Protein backbone atom coordinates (compact mmCIF):
# COMPACT_ATOMS: atom_id res chain seq x y z
CA MET A 1 17.96 -20.13 5.03
CA PRO A 2 17.39 -20.53 1.28
CA LEU A 3 14.12 -19.29 -0.12
CA VAL A 4 12.90 -22.79 -1.08
CA GLN A 5 13.22 -23.92 2.54
CA ALA A 6 11.54 -20.72 3.84
CA LEU A 7 8.62 -21.53 1.49
CA GLY A 8 8.35 -24.99 3.05
CA PHE A 9 9.87 -27.17 0.33
CA THR A 10 11.79 -30.12 1.79
CA ARG A 11 12.85 -31.61 -1.52
CA GLN A 12 13.54 -30.12 -4.95
CA PRO A 13 11.24 -27.14 -5.55
CA PRO A 14 8.71 -27.09 -8.39
CA CYS A 15 9.89 -25.86 -11.76
CA ALA A 16 9.16 -22.34 -13.06
CA THR A 17 6.32 -23.64 -15.23
CA THR A 18 4.52 -25.02 -12.18
CA PHE A 19 4.96 -21.71 -10.35
CA HIS A 20 3.62 -19.87 -13.38
CA THR A 21 0.57 -22.18 -13.63
CA VAL A 22 -0.27 -21.90 -9.93
CA LEU A 23 0.25 -18.13 -9.73
CA HIS A 24 -1.71 -17.57 -12.92
CA ARG A 25 -4.76 -19.26 -11.34
CA ILE A 26 -4.70 -17.26 -8.11
CA ASP A 27 -7.34 -14.51 -7.85
CA ARG A 28 -5.14 -11.40 -7.42
CA ASP A 29 -7.82 -9.43 -5.61
CA VAL A 30 -8.34 -12.22 -3.06
CA LEU A 31 -4.60 -12.67 -2.59
CA GLU A 32 -4.06 -8.92 -2.17
CA ALA A 33 -6.93 -8.65 0.34
CA THR A 34 -5.63 -11.63 2.30
CA LEU A 35 -2.06 -10.27 2.41
CA GLY A 36 -3.37 -6.83 3.38
CA ALA A 37 -5.45 -8.28 6.22
CA TRP A 38 -2.44 -10.23 7.45
CA ALA A 39 -0.27 -7.10 7.38
CA GLU A 40 -2.98 -5.09 9.16
CA ALA A 41 -3.29 -7.77 11.82
CA LEU A 42 0.51 -7.71 12.31
CA VAL A 43 0.41 -3.91 12.78
CA VAL A 44 -2.48 -4.11 15.23
CA GLY A 45 -0.98 -7.11 17.02
CA THR A 46 2.29 -5.32 17.65
CA PRO A 47 1.14 -1.91 18.91
CA ALA A 48 3.33 1.15 18.72
CA PRO A 49 4.86 2.51 21.91
CA PRO A 50 2.51 4.67 24.05
CA ASP A 51 2.07 8.28 22.94
CA THR A 52 3.31 7.36 19.44
CA LEU A 53 1.35 7.97 16.28
CA GLU A 54 1.47 5.02 13.89
CA GLY A 55 2.57 6.26 10.46
CA ILE A 56 1.04 5.09 7.18
CA ALA A 57 2.86 6.39 4.04
CA LEU A 58 1.18 6.76 0.70
CA ASP A 59 3.68 6.16 -2.04
CA GLY A 60 3.24 5.91 -5.83
CA GLN A 61 5.40 3.83 -8.07
CA THR A 62 5.42 2.12 -11.44
CA LEU A 63 5.64 -1.69 -11.31
CA ARG A 64 9.07 -2.96 -12.26
CA GLY A 65 9.11 -4.63 -15.67
CA SER A 66 5.65 -3.38 -16.62
CA GLN A 67 7.07 -1.41 -19.56
CA GLN A 68 9.27 -4.16 -20.92
CA GLN A 69 6.46 -5.84 -22.81
CA GLY A 70 5.52 -2.75 -24.83
CA ALA A 71 2.71 -1.68 -22.53
CA PRO A 72 2.79 1.61 -20.65
CA GLY A 73 4.02 1.41 -17.06
CA ALA A 74 1.52 0.21 -14.48
CA PRO A 75 1.25 2.97 -11.85
CA ARG A 76 0.19 1.96 -8.32
CA LEU A 77 -0.35 3.73 -5.05
CA SER A 78 0.59 1.87 -1.89
CA ALA A 79 -0.18 2.32 1.79
CA LEU A 80 2.93 1.34 3.77
CA ALA A 81 3.08 0.89 7.54
CA HIS A 82 6.30 2.66 8.64
CA ARG A 83 7.03 0.73 11.82
CA VAL A 84 6.77 -2.78 10.42
CA GLY A 85 7.74 -1.96 6.81
CA LEU A 86 4.79 -3.74 5.20
CA THR A 87 2.49 -2.72 2.43
CA LEU A 88 -1.08 -2.72 3.82
CA ALA A 89 -2.87 -2.15 0.51
CA GLN A 90 -2.35 -1.07 -3.07
CA GLN A 91 -4.54 0.69 -5.58
CA ALA A 92 -4.10 1.07 -9.33
CA VAL A 93 -3.77 4.61 -10.59
CA ALA A 94 -5.66 5.29 -13.80
CA ASP A 95 -3.51 6.32 -16.76
CA THR A 96 -5.67 9.43 -17.30
CA SER A 97 -5.61 10.53 -13.64
CA ASN A 98 -3.33 11.64 -10.85
CA GLU A 99 -2.94 9.78 -7.53
CA MET A 100 -5.85 11.61 -5.77
CA PRO A 101 -8.73 9.27 -6.70
CA ALA A 102 -6.59 6.22 -5.94
CA ALA A 103 -5.58 7.73 -2.55
CA VAL A 104 -9.22 8.36 -1.60
CA GLU A 105 -10.15 4.76 -2.52
CA LEU A 106 -7.08 3.32 -0.77
CA LEU A 107 -7.74 5.17 2.49
CA ARG A 108 -11.44 4.32 2.43
CA HIS A 109 -10.61 0.68 3.05
CA GLY A 110 -7.83 1.18 5.61
CA VAL A 111 -7.94 1.69 9.40
CA LEU A 112 -6.91 5.28 10.06
CA GLU A 113 -7.90 5.67 13.68
CA GLY A 114 -4.84 6.64 15.69
CA ARG A 115 -2.62 6.75 12.63
CA GLY A 116 -0.94 9.59 10.81
CA VAL A 117 -0.45 9.90 7.07
CA PRO A 118 2.25 12.20 5.69
CA MET A 119 1.20 13.66 2.36
CA ASP A 120 3.70 14.79 -0.28
CA ALA A 121 3.28 17.55 -2.82
CA LEU A 122 1.03 15.42 -5.03
CA LEU A 123 -1.51 14.74 -2.27
CA PRO A 124 -2.20 17.97 -0.33
CA GLN A 125 -5.92 17.85 -1.04
CA ARG A 126 -8.52 18.98 1.44
CA GLN A 127 -10.84 16.06 0.53
CA LEU A 128 -8.17 13.56 1.52
CA ALA A 129 -7.32 15.41 4.72
CA GLN A 130 -10.97 15.57 5.69
CA GLN A 131 -11.38 11.84 5.03
CA MET A 132 -8.45 11.07 7.33
CA VAL A 133 -9.78 13.26 10.18
CA GLU A 134 -13.30 11.80 9.90
CA ALA A 135 -11.85 8.28 10.16
CA GLY A 136 -10.03 9.21 13.41
CA GLY A 137 -6.61 9.67 11.86
CA ASP A 138 -4.22 12.59 11.46
CA TYR A 139 -2.16 13.91 8.59
CA VAL A 140 1.04 15.86 8.08
CA ARG A 141 1.33 17.84 4.89
CA ILE A 142 3.65 20.43 3.36
CA VAL A 143 1.84 23.58 2.38
CA LYS A 144 3.46 26.12 0.12
CA GLU A 145 2.79 29.84 0.22
CA ASN A 146 0.33 29.63 -2.68
CA GLN A 147 -2.10 27.47 -0.59
CA PRO A 148 -4.84 29.21 1.41
CA HIS A 149 -4.72 28.59 5.16
């Protein structure tokens, strides 16, 4: 099915200028919150098999095309639901910071109960692990020999 039909257009779709005008007027925070709530409802509405831990991945990336206009890349941290393959939420990463403050903020707003979050080498922080446990979740992290037990 072509994209225009999937979007509900029965005749010729609007031109690019119309899309630009409409999308420019949408409140990004409201749209992101609405899409995140929809994705969360989809995850909750299709529960994982019994005795299975729902995985939520934290992944950082730079938005595609964000450097093409002369500005520095726009780094983001996303929470992705493994099983359904949907982004539940995103958080901007400050240019002068690492992903840790963004991860704390991102997980503060997510449902962690009964979920596991694998943490890569950039996120093995005790504060983040403690936040996950206090919210009823679990974590998996790689610990190198130079980390205290």
